[in-house]
Protein backbone atom coordinates (compact mmCIF):
# COMPACT_ATOMS: atom_id res chain seq x y z
CA MET A 1 0.00 0.00 0.00
CA ASN A 2 1.63 3.26 -1.11
CA GLN A 3 1.70 6.42 1.00
CA LYS A 4 -1.17 8.05 -0.88
CA LYS A 5 -3.44 5.04 -0.29
CA LEU A 6 -2.45 4.93 3.36
CA ILE A 7 -3.37 8.59 3.83
CA SER A 8 -6.69 8.07 2.01
CA LYS A 9 -7.57 5.06 4.14
CA LEU A 10 -6.60 6.92 7.33
CA LYS A 11 -8.92 9.79 6.35
CA LYS A 12 -11.75 7.27 5.85
CA ALA A 13 -11.00 5.70 9.24
CA THR A 14 -11.00 9.13 10.89
CA SER A 15 -14.35 9.98 9.29
CA ALA A 16 -15.85 6.65 10.37
CA SER A 17 -14.60 7.20 13.92
CA GLN A 18 -16.21 10.66 14.05
CA LYS A 19 -19.49 9.03 13.01
CA LYS A 20 -19.00 6.43 15.78
CA ASP A 21 -18.88 3.66 13.19
CA HIS A 22 -16.48 1.70 15.36
CA ILE A 23 -16.48 -1.55 13.36
CA THR A 24 -15.59 0.18 10.08
CA THR A 25 -12.90 2.22 11.83
CA ILE A 26 -11.32 -0.88 13.36
CA LYS A 27 -11.29 -2.72 10.02
CA LEU A 28 -9.68 0.22 8.19
CA CYS A 29 -7.06 0.68 10.91
CA ARG A 30 -6.15 -3.01 10.87
CA ASP A 31 -5.70 -2.79 7.09
CA ILE A 32 -3.37 0.20 7.52
CA LEU A 33 -1.36 -1.44 10.29
CA TYR A 34 -0.89 -4.62 8.30
CA LYS A 35 1.11 -2.58 5.77
CA SER A 36 2.45 0.07 8.17
CA PRO A 37 2.88 -1.48 11.68
CA VAL A 38 4.17 1.70 13.35
CA ASN A 39 1.52 4.10 12.00
CA ILE A 40 0.78 6.08 15.19
CA PRO A 41 -2.51 7.75 14.10
CA ALA A 42 -3.90 4.37 12.99
CA HIS A 43 -2.96 2.79 16.32
CA GLN A 44 -4.57 5.65 18.23
CA LEU A 45 -7.80 5.40 16.22
CA LEU A 46 -7.86 1.60 16.58
CA ILE A 47 -7.38 1.75 20.35
CA THR A 48 -9.93 4.55 20.85
CA ASN A 49 -12.61 2.61 18.97
CA LEU A 50 -11.85 -0.68 20.71
CA ILE A 51 -12.21 1.11 24.05
CA ALA A 52 -15.58 2.51 22.88
CA LEU A 53 -16.70 -1.09 22.31
CA LYS A 54 -15.26 -2.11 25.72
CA ARG A 55 -12.90 -4.59 24.11
CA HIS A 56 -10.35 -3.89 26.81
CA ASP A 57 -8.37 -7.13 26.56
CA GLU A 58 -7.63 -6.45 22.89
CA VAL A 59 -6.61 -2.90 23.76
CA GLU A 60 -4.20 -4.12 26.41
CA ASP A 61 -2.52 -6.59 24.02
CA ILE A 62 -2.18 -3.98 21.27
CA LEU A 63 -0.81 -1.32 23.59
CA LYS A 64 1.84 -3.59 25.05
CA LYS A 65 3.05 -4.48 21.53
CA VAL A 66 2.98 -0.87 20.37
CA ILE A 67 4.95 0.35 23.40
CA LEU A 68 7.72 -2.11 22.52
CA LEU A 69 7.74 -0.84 18.93
CA MET A 70 7.97 2.84 19.87
CA THR A 71 11.02 4.72 21.13
CA GLU A 72 10.96 7.44 23.79
CA PRO A 73 9.22 9.84 24.02
CA LYS A 74 6.68 8.57 21.47
CA SER A 75 5.63 5.68 23.70
CA TYR A 76 4.35 8.04 26.42
CA ALA A 77 1.00 8.49 24.65
CA PHE A 78 0.49 4.74 24.40
CA GLU A 79 1.63 4.06 27.96
CA HIS A 80 -0.88 6.70 29.03
CA LEU A 81 -3.59 4.93 27.04
CA LEU A 82 -2.62 1.64 28.69
CA GLY A 83 -3.07 3.21 32.12
CA CYS A 84 -6.41 4.72 31.09
CA ASN A 85 -7.50 1.35 29.73
CA TYR A 86 -6.84 -0.21 33.13
CA ILE A 87 -8.98 2.53 34.70
CA SER A 88 -11.78 1.67 32.24
CA GLN A 89 -11.47 -1.95 33.39
CA GLU A 90 -11.63 -0.76 37.04
CA ASN A 91 -8.17 -2.24 37.58
CA TYR A 92 -6.90 0.82 39.40
CA THR A 93 -3.85 -0.80 40.98
CA ALA A 94 -2.57 -1.83 37.53
CA ALA A 95 -3.29 1.69 36.27
CA LEU A 96 -1.11 3.18 38.99
CA LEU A 97 1.72 0.75 38.20
CA VAL A 98 1.74 2.21 34.69
CA LEU A 99 0.92 5.87 35.33
CA GLU A 100 3.07 6.71 38.34
CA PRO A 101 6.38 5.61 36.73
CA LEU A 102 5.26 7.41 33.58
CA PHE A 103 4.89 10.67 35.51
CA ASN A 104 8.17 10.14 37.34
CA LYS A 105 10.17 9.71 34.13
CA SER A 106 8.31 12.30 32.03
CA GLY A 107 7.50 14.95 34.62
CA GLU A 108 4.37 15.81 32.60
CA SER A 109 1.58 17.06 34.84
CA LYS A 110 -1.14 15.77 32.48
CA PHE A 111 -0.66 12.26 33.91
CA LEU A 112 -1.55 13.42 37.42
CA LEU A 113 -5.26 13.73 36.54
CA ASP A 114 -5.55 10.00 35.90
CA ILE A 115 -3.28 9.05 38.79
CA ALA A 116 -5.52 10.99 41.19
CA LEU A 117 -8.63 9.43 39.63
CA ALA A 118 -7.20 5.93 40.20
CA TYR A 119 -6.52 6.70 43.87
CA PHE A 120 -10.02 8.15 44.24
CA ARG A 121 -11.61 5.03 42.75
CA LEU A 122 -9.52 2.87 45.10
CA GLY A 123 -10.95 4.82 48.01
CA ASP A 124 -7.65 6.50 48.94
CA TYR A 125 -9.20 9.97 49.11
CA GLU A 126 -6.26 11.52 50.93
CA SER A 127 -3.75 10.55 48.21
CA ALA A 128 -6.21 11.71 45.55
CA ARG A 129 -6.63 15.06 47.32
CA VAL A 130 -2.86 15.60 47.56
CA ILE A 131 -2.32 14.82 43.87
CA TYR A 132 -5.20 17.00 42.66
CA LEU A 133 -3.90 19.89 44.75
CA LYS A 134 -0.42 19.37 43.30
CA LEU A 135 -1.86 19.39 39.78
CA ILE A 136 -3.88 22.56 40.47
CA GLU A 137 -0.74 24.23 41.83
CA LEU A 138 1.03 23.37 38.56
CA GLU A 139 -1.99 24.24 36.40
CA PRO A 140 -4.19 26.83 38.19
CA ASN A 141 -6.72 26.83 35.34
CA ASN A 142 -7.19 23.06 35.22
CA HIS A 143 -10.97 23.08 35.65
CA GLN A 144 -11.29 19.30 35.31
CA ALA A 145 -8.90 18.74 38.24
CA LYS A 146 -10.89 21.19 40.38
CA PHE A 147 -14.19 19.54 39.40
CA ASN A 148 -12.79 16.09 40.25
CA LEU A 149 -11.50 17.40 43.59
CA TYR A 150 -14.84 18.78 44.81
CA PRO A 151 -16.48 15.47 45.94
CA ILE A 152 -13.28 14.59 47.81
CA LEU A 153 -13.38 17.90 49.67
CA LEU A 154 -17.07 17.27 50.44
CA HIS A 155 -16.06 13.91 51.91
CA PHE A 156 -13.67 15.74 54.24
CA LYS A 157 -16.37 18.38 54.96
CA ASP A 158 -14.26 21.18 53.54
CA TYR A 159 -17.44 22.75 52.20
CA LYS A 160 -16.18 26.19 51.26
CA ASN A 161 -13.33 24.92 49.09
CA ALA A 162 -15.45 22.04 47.76
CA TRP A 163 -18.09 24.39 46.36
CA GLY A 164 -15.39 26.68 44.99
CA CYS A 165 -13.99 23.72 43.03
CA PHE A 166 -17.50 22.74 41.93
CA HIS A 167 -18.14 26.23 40.59
CA SER A 168 -15.06 25.86 38.37
CA ARG A 169 -17.09 23.47 36.17
CA LEU A 170 -18.11 26.57 34.25
CA GLY A 171 -14.70 26.34 32.63
CA LEU A 172 -15.47 22.90 31.17
CA ASP A 173 -16.61 22.84 27.55
CA ILE A 174 -19.39 20.34 28.31
CA ILE A 175 -20.91 22.92 30.71
CA LYS A 176 -20.08 26.34 29.30
CA ASP A 177 -21.31 25.45 25.80
CA LYS A 178 -24.79 24.75 27.25
CA VAL A 179 -25.16 27.95 29.26
CA HIS A 180 -26.73 31.02 27.68
CA TRP A 181 -25.92 34.11 29.72
CA PHE A 182 -28.75 36.56 30.36
CA ALA A 183 -26.84 38.47 33.06
CA PRO A 184 -23.28 38.78 34.41
CA PRO A 185 -22.09 35.45 35.89
CA TRP A 186 -22.01 35.08 39.66
CA SER A 187 -18.50 35.37 41.10
CA GLY A 188 -18.99 34.65 44.80
CA GLU A 189 -20.88 37.74 45.96
CA THR A 190 -24.03 37.82 48.08
CA LEU A 191 -27.40 37.73 46.31
CA ARG A 192 -29.08 40.05 48.82
CA GLY A 193 -31.19 42.74 47.17
CA LYS A 194 -30.33 41.63 43.65
CA ASN A 195 -32.41 40.60 40.67
CA ILE A 196 -31.16 37.09 39.99
CA ILE A 197 -31.68 34.36 37.42
CA ILE A 198 -30.95 30.71 38.25
CA HIS A 199 -29.79 28.50 35.39
CA PRO A 200 -30.46 24.72 35.46
CA GLU A 201 -27.84 22.02 35.99
CA GLN A 202 -27.19 19.09 33.63
CA GLY A 203 -29.31 16.19 34.90
CA MET A 204 -32.80 16.00 36.36
CA GLY A 205 -31.49 14.51 39.61
CA ASP A 206 -29.02 17.37 40.05
CA ASN A 207 -31.73 19.95 39.35
CA LEU A 208 -33.96 18.43 42.00
CA ALA A 209 -31.14 18.15 44.53
CA TYR A 210 -29.93 21.74 44.16
CA SER A 211 -33.45 23.16 44.20
CA GLY A 212 -33.11 22.76 47.96
CA CYS A 213 -31.23 26.08 47.94
CA PHE A 214 -33.88 28.00 45.99
CA ALA A 215 -35.97 29.12 48.96
CA GLU A 216 -32.95 30.75 50.61
CA ALA A 217 -31.92 32.46 47.38
CA ILE A 218 -35.47 33.74 46.86
CA ALA A 219 -35.53 35.11 50.41
CA ASP A 220 -32.27 36.99 49.84
CA ALA A 221 -32.89 38.31 46.33
CA LYS A 222 -35.00 41.28 45.29
CA SER A 223 -36.50 39.19 42.47
CA THR A 224 -35.80 35.60 41.35
CA HIS A 225 -36.15 34.09 37.90
CA ILE A 226 -35.65 30.32 37.46
CA ILE A 227 -35.04 28.43 34.21
CA CYS A 228 -35.91 24.72 34.34
CA ASP A 229 -36.77 21.66 32.27
CA ASN A 230 -40.35 21.90 31.00
CA ARG A 231 -41.27 18.83 33.10
CA LEU A 232 -40.40 20.81 36.27
CA LYS A 233 -42.22 24.04 35.45
CA GLY A 234 -45.53 23.26 37.17
CA LEU A 235 -43.78 21.78 40.19
CA TYR A 236 -41.54 24.82 40.60
CA GLN A 237 -44.47 27.21 40.21
CA ALA A 238 -46.26 25.39 43.03
CA SER A 239 -43.14 25.23 45.22
CA PHE A 240 -41.76 28.75 44.62
CA PRO A 241 -44.82 30.95 43.99
CA THR A 242 -42.95 34.27 44.35
CA ALA A 243 -40.36 33.36 41.67
CA LEU A 244 -40.84 33.67 37.92
CA ILE A 245 -40.40 30.27 36.24
CA TYR A 246 -39.33 29.75 32.62
CA SER A 247 -39.00 26.47 30.75
CA SER A 248 -35.60 25.95 29.15
CA GLU A 249 -37.38 25.04 25.90
CA ASP A 250 -39.06 28.48 25.73
CA VAL A 251 -35.84 30.28 26.62
CA LYS A 252 -33.93 28.45 23.88
CA GLN A 253 -36.41 29.79 21.35
CA THR A 254 -36.38 33.44 22.43
CA LYS A 255 -32.78 33.72 23.75
CA LYS A 256 -33.98 36.51 26.02
CA ILE A 257 -35.81 37.23 29.27
CA ASP A 258 -37.76 40.44 29.64
CA ALA A 259 -36.47 41.48 33.03
CA GLU A 260 -33.81 43.65 34.61
CA LEU A 261 -31.21 41.20 35.90
CA ASP A 262 -28.11 41.79 38.03
CA VAL A 263 -26.54 38.33 38.19
CA GLN A 264 -26.91 34.79 36.79
CA ILE A 265 -25.98 31.71 38.80
CA LEU A 266 -26.22 27.98 38.11
CA GLY A 267 -28.46 26.12 40.55
CA GLY A 268 -25.63 24.02 41.96
CA SER A 269 -23.47 27.04 42.71
CA LEU A 270 -26.05 28.26 45.24
CA ALA A 271 -24.58 25.65 47.59
CA ALA A 272 -21.48 27.85 47.91
CA LEU A 273 -23.71 30.40 49.67
CA TYR A 274 -26.14 28.18 51.56
CA ARG A 275 -24.55 24.75 52.24
CA LEU A 276 -21.48 25.42 54.35
CA ASN A 277 -22.11 23.07 57.31
CA ASP A 278 -23.99 19.84 58.12
CA GLU A 279 -26.99 21.64 59.59
CA SER A 280 -27.61 23.58 56.38
CA PHE A 281 -28.11 20.29 54.52
CA ILE A 282 -30.47 18.87 57.11
CA ASN A 283 -32.78 21.89 57.42
CA GLU A 284 -33.40 22.68 53.73
CA SER A 285 -36.99 23.20 52.58
CA SER A 286 -39.00 20.66 50.61
CA LEU A 287 -40.71 20.81 47.23
CA ASN A 288 -44.51 20.90 47.18
CA VAL A 289 -47.13 19.24 45.03
CA PRO A 290 -50.80 20.32 45.03
CA GLN A 291 -52.77 18.41 47.65
CA PHE A 292 -55.59 17.56 45.23
CA LEU A 293 -53.11 15.88 42.86
CA GLN A 294 -51.62 13.82 45.66
CA GLN A 295 -55.08 12.73 46.81
CA GLU A 296 -56.00 11.72 43.25
CA LYS A 297 -52.85 9.54 42.93
CA SER A 298 -53.42 8.01 46.37
CA SER A 299 -56.95 6.98 45.40
CA ARG A 300 -55.54 4.87 42.55
CA LEU A 301 -53.25 2.82 44.77
CA SER A 302 -54.25 -0.42 46.49
CA ASP A 303 -55.09 -0.98 50.16
CA LYS A 304 -51.93 -3.00 50.77
CA LYS A 305 -49.94 -2.22 53.93
CA LEU A 306 -47.09 -0.47 52.12
CA LYS A 307 -46.88 1.39 48.83
CA VAL A 308 -43.25 1.37 47.69
CA GLY A 309 -41.80 3.03 44.62
CA ILE A 310 -38.81 1.45 42.89
CA SER A 311 -36.26 2.78 40.41
CA TRP A 312 -33.39 0.36 40.00
CA PHE A 313 -31.01 1.92 37.47
CA HIS A 314 -29.41 5.22 36.57
CA GLY A 315 -29.87 6.73 33.10
CA ARG A 316 -31.95 5.73 30.10
CA ILE A 317 -30.58 2.21 29.66
CA ASN A 318 -29.72 -0.38 32.30
CA ASP A 319 -26.19 -1.31 31.26
CA GLY A 320 -25.37 -3.03 34.54
CA ASN A 321 -23.07 -0.25 35.76
CA LYS A 322 -21.95 -0.35 39.37
CA HIS A 323 -24.59 2.20 40.44
CA SER A 324 -27.50 0.10 39.13
CA MET A 325 -29.22 -3.23 39.74
CA TYR A 326 -31.14 -5.47 37.42
CA LEU A 327 -34.77 -5.70 38.57
CA GLU A 328 -34.45 -9.47 39.03
CA GLU A 329 -31.79 -8.86 41.70
CA LEU A 330 -34.53 -7.26 43.82
CA LEU A 331 -36.61 -10.45 43.68
CA PRO A 332 -36.37 -11.34 47.42
CA LEU A 333 -37.72 -7.87 48.19
CA LEU A 334 -40.43 -7.97 45.50
CA GLN A 335 -41.75 -11.29 46.84
CA ILE A 336 -42.57 -9.88 50.30
CA GLU A 337 -46.34 -9.92 50.79
CA ASN A 338 -48.71 -6.99 51.34
CA ILE A 339 -46.59 -4.46 49.44
CA GLU A 340 -47.66 -2.64 46.30
CA TRP A 341 -44.63 -2.00 44.09
CA VAL A 342 -44.90 1.15 42.01
CA ASN A 343 -42.69 1.75 38.98
CA LEU A 344 -40.79 5.07 39.14
CA GLN A 345 -38.13 4.08 36.62
CA PHE A 346 -37.13 6.32 33.71
CA GLY A 347 -35.84 4.99 30.38
CA ASP A 348 -35.99 1.52 28.86
CA TRP A 349 -37.52 -0.39 31.80
CA GLN A 350 -40.21 -2.37 29.97
CA PRO A 351 -38.24 -5.59 29.17
CA GLU A 352 -37.15 -6.07 32.78
CA VAL A 353 -40.64 -5.49 34.20
CA LYS A 354 -42.22 -7.81 31.63
CA LYS A 355 -39.73 -10.55 32.51
CA VAL A 356 -40.28 -10.28 36.27
CA GLU A 357 -44.07 -10.13 35.94
CA SER A 358 -44.32 -13.09 33.55
CA LYS A 359 -41.63 -15.29 35.16
CA TYR A 360 -42.48 -14.73 38.84
CA GLY A 361 -46.07 -13.47 38.82
CA ILE A 362 -45.11 -10.19 40.50
CA LYS A 363 -47.17 -7.11 39.69
CA ILE A 364 -45.37 -3.79 39.23
CA THR A 365 -47.88 -0.91 39.14
CA HIS A 366 -47.28 1.64 36.38
CA PHE A 367 -49.23 4.83 35.66
CA GLU A 368 -48.46 6.24 32.22
CA ASP A 369 -49.95 9.65 33.06
CA CYS A 370 -47.65 10.25 36.03
CA CYS A 371 -44.43 8.54 35.02
CA ALA A 372 -40.78 9.65 35.04
CA SER A 373 -40.86 10.79 31.42
CA GLY A 374 -43.86 13.09 31.92
CA ASP A 375 -44.81 16.17 33.94
CA PHE A 376 -43.01 16.12 37.28
CA GLU A 377 -45.92 17.74 39.11
CA HIS A 378 -47.92 14.56 38.48
CA TYR A 379 -44.91 12.28 38.93
CA GLY A 380 -44.19 14.07 42.21
CA ALA A 381 -47.78 13.66 43.35
CA LEU A 382 -47.42 9.91 42.83
CA ILE A 383 -44.16 9.82 44.81
CA ALA A 384 -45.74 11.91 47.57
CA SER A 385 -48.47 9.23 47.86
CA LEU A 386 -45.95 6.48 48.68
CA ASP A 387 -44.67 5.20 52.01
CA LEU A 388 -41.15 4.55 50.74
CA VAL A 389 -38.97 4.91 47.63
CA ILE A 390 -36.11 2.50 46.92
CA ALA A 391 -33.80 3.67 44.16
CA ALA A 392 -30.36 4.01 42.69
CA SER A 393 -28.72 7.44 42.75
CA ASN A 394 -31.16 8.99 40.27
CA ALA A 395 -33.96 11.51 39.87
CA ALA A 396 -36.56 9.32 41.59
CA LEU A 397 -34.39 9.14 44.70
CA MET A 398 -33.65 12.86 44.68
CA PHE A 399 -37.31 13.69 44.11
CA ALA A 400 -38.44 11.56 47.05
CA THR A 401 -35.99 13.26 49.40
CA ARG A 402 -37.03 16.72 48.20
CA LEU A 403 -40.68 15.83 48.84
CA GLY A 404 -39.90 14.57 52.34
CA ILE A 405 -40.72 10.93 51.52
CA LYS A 406 -38.77 8.13 53.19
CA ALA A 407 -36.12 7.00 50.72
CA TRP A 408 -33.59 4.18 50.57
CA MET A 409 -30.65 4.35 48.19
CA PHE A 410 -28.38 1.47 47.22
CA LEU A 411 -24.87 2.31 46.08
CA SER A 412 -21.34 0.97 45.69
CA ALA A 413 -18.22 2.28 47.40
CA PRO A 414 -14.56 1.20 47.47
CA LYS A 415 -13.75 -1.30 50.22
CA ALA A 416 -11.13 1.05 51.67
CA ILE A 417 -13.74 3.78 52.17
CA LEU A 418 -16.29 1.47 53.80
CA GLN A 419 -13.61 0.18 56.16
CA GLN A 420 -12.99 3.70 57.43
CA GLY A 421 -16.27 3.44 59.32
CA ASN A 422 -17.20 7.13 59.13
CA PHE A 423 -20.17 6.85 56.78
CA GLU A 424 -22.77 7.24 59.50
CA ASP A 425 -21.39 10.68 60.29
CA ILE A 426 -21.06 11.69 56.64
CA ASP A 427 -24.58 10.48 55.84
CA LYS A 428 -26.08 13.01 58.26
CA ARG A 429 -25.96 15.39 55.29
CA HIS A 430 -28.42 13.19 53.44
CA LYS A 431 -32.11 12.62 53.96
CA GLU A 432 -32.09 9.12 52.44
CA ARG A 433 -31.13 5.86 54.16
CA ARG A 434 -28.07 4.45 52.36
CA PHE A 435 -27.28 0.77 51.78
CA TYR A 436 -23.70 0.12 50.66
CA ARG A 437 -22.00 -2.76 48.92
CA VAL A 438 -18.29 -3.07 48.19
CA ASP A 439 -17.43 -2.23 44.57
CA GLY A 440 -17.57 -5.37 42.44
CA GLU A 441 -19.45 -7.50 44.98
CA SER A 442 -22.99 -8.86 44.67
CA TRP A 443 -26.04 -6.79 45.62
CA GLY A 444 -27.29 -9.80 47.62
CA GLY A 445 -26.25 -8.46 51.04
CA VAL A 446 -27.86 -5.09 50.35
CA VAL A 447 -31.14 -6.70 49.24
CA ASP A 448 -31.18 -8.98 52.30
CA GLN A 449 -30.65 -5.97 54.57
CA MET A 450 -33.49 -4.07 52.90
CA CYS A 451 -35.75 -7.13 53.24
CA ASP A 452 -35.10 -7.25 56.99
CA GLU A 453 -35.73 -3.53 57.46
CA ILE A 454 -38.83 -3.25 55.27
CA LYS A 455 -40.55 -5.94 57.37
CA LEU A 456 -40.26 -3.62 60.35
CA LEU A 457 -42.17 -0.77 58.66
């Protein structure tokens, strides 16, 4: 294959990769590498697309061969990819064995981001904190490092610095490209006496969680304008009657708000003003749904002893990630008598429910007119009618806590963190009851614990 054909095929592979046609990209790259074994761009494209398909074992084999082929400093990029591939496989110890020597011999600060991430995922928060701080000292404008550092600082209850790092997310392309500015951005000042506009966060769960600060902001400001997902508009109007509520869909169309505004702040950044100690988390106000709506939803539920909402995965698709369960794993809980199970799940839940209902004869109640994909005033009224919500870390869980409904959350954590034994103290910030498993272990122990506790309700 001559040079001109190689360049042409590489362009085709690049185009296919941009279109996320991973199979075509991999085939083209393998053709190139058969003729040109040390073609760096082809190797990089091949590895990137194999990682996208989670073919990590193939990636590892290729990277090890490529590293032997390359001479310093060209191999650094591929050694870095090898370390990142181990992180993708959740093999954080192996990642550190690659990345730490790489930093030591190269001195390049860019490797510190992944080294700190590996320590964080291992549960060594102190080492992760030290490395992130070192990276930020070297690169003061590294917004990703600051964003990654903020949950670690929250863990150590360093609230002021945690929220400062969280606010730095405005420097990330994924955030700043989605924010339309209607007023000067907030830069740490008080909101007292000002005309403010609150911009939404990225996910529905985050929007619900950070709405806990709205009442305090409204009390401080002269006037408050809130932009939100259209599904939240009715709920917010009922909960914050003195604020002006706009749907993000309407605002995208007009690109303007007819009001005199002094400052614009993202909903999550309000925490930097109003969530600076444990008590401020505990005492936040709740969202409200109209009483008549709640009564209407309650009338449609059965007369069983408990009405329990369930939402077992995070996101649109249940891909078995460590923050989610498969519905069948909840079977011991679902088989307990005298409980009506109510579906609160968002996304592609139908195959799992159909399987559980047909295979085990378990009924999961679902109301299409007040579901997670519809108006949250009605969805909230349904949640407010329940005795308990059991969920992953998702919008259903956040919504239940914001409505003051008893909520249980199941989640994974590194073994090292759980062994520290300080979760009871940390969890005082949260309204939900938390059930932990060790990363990588079965959910069986968590489900058994929930079974024992639900029988006491």
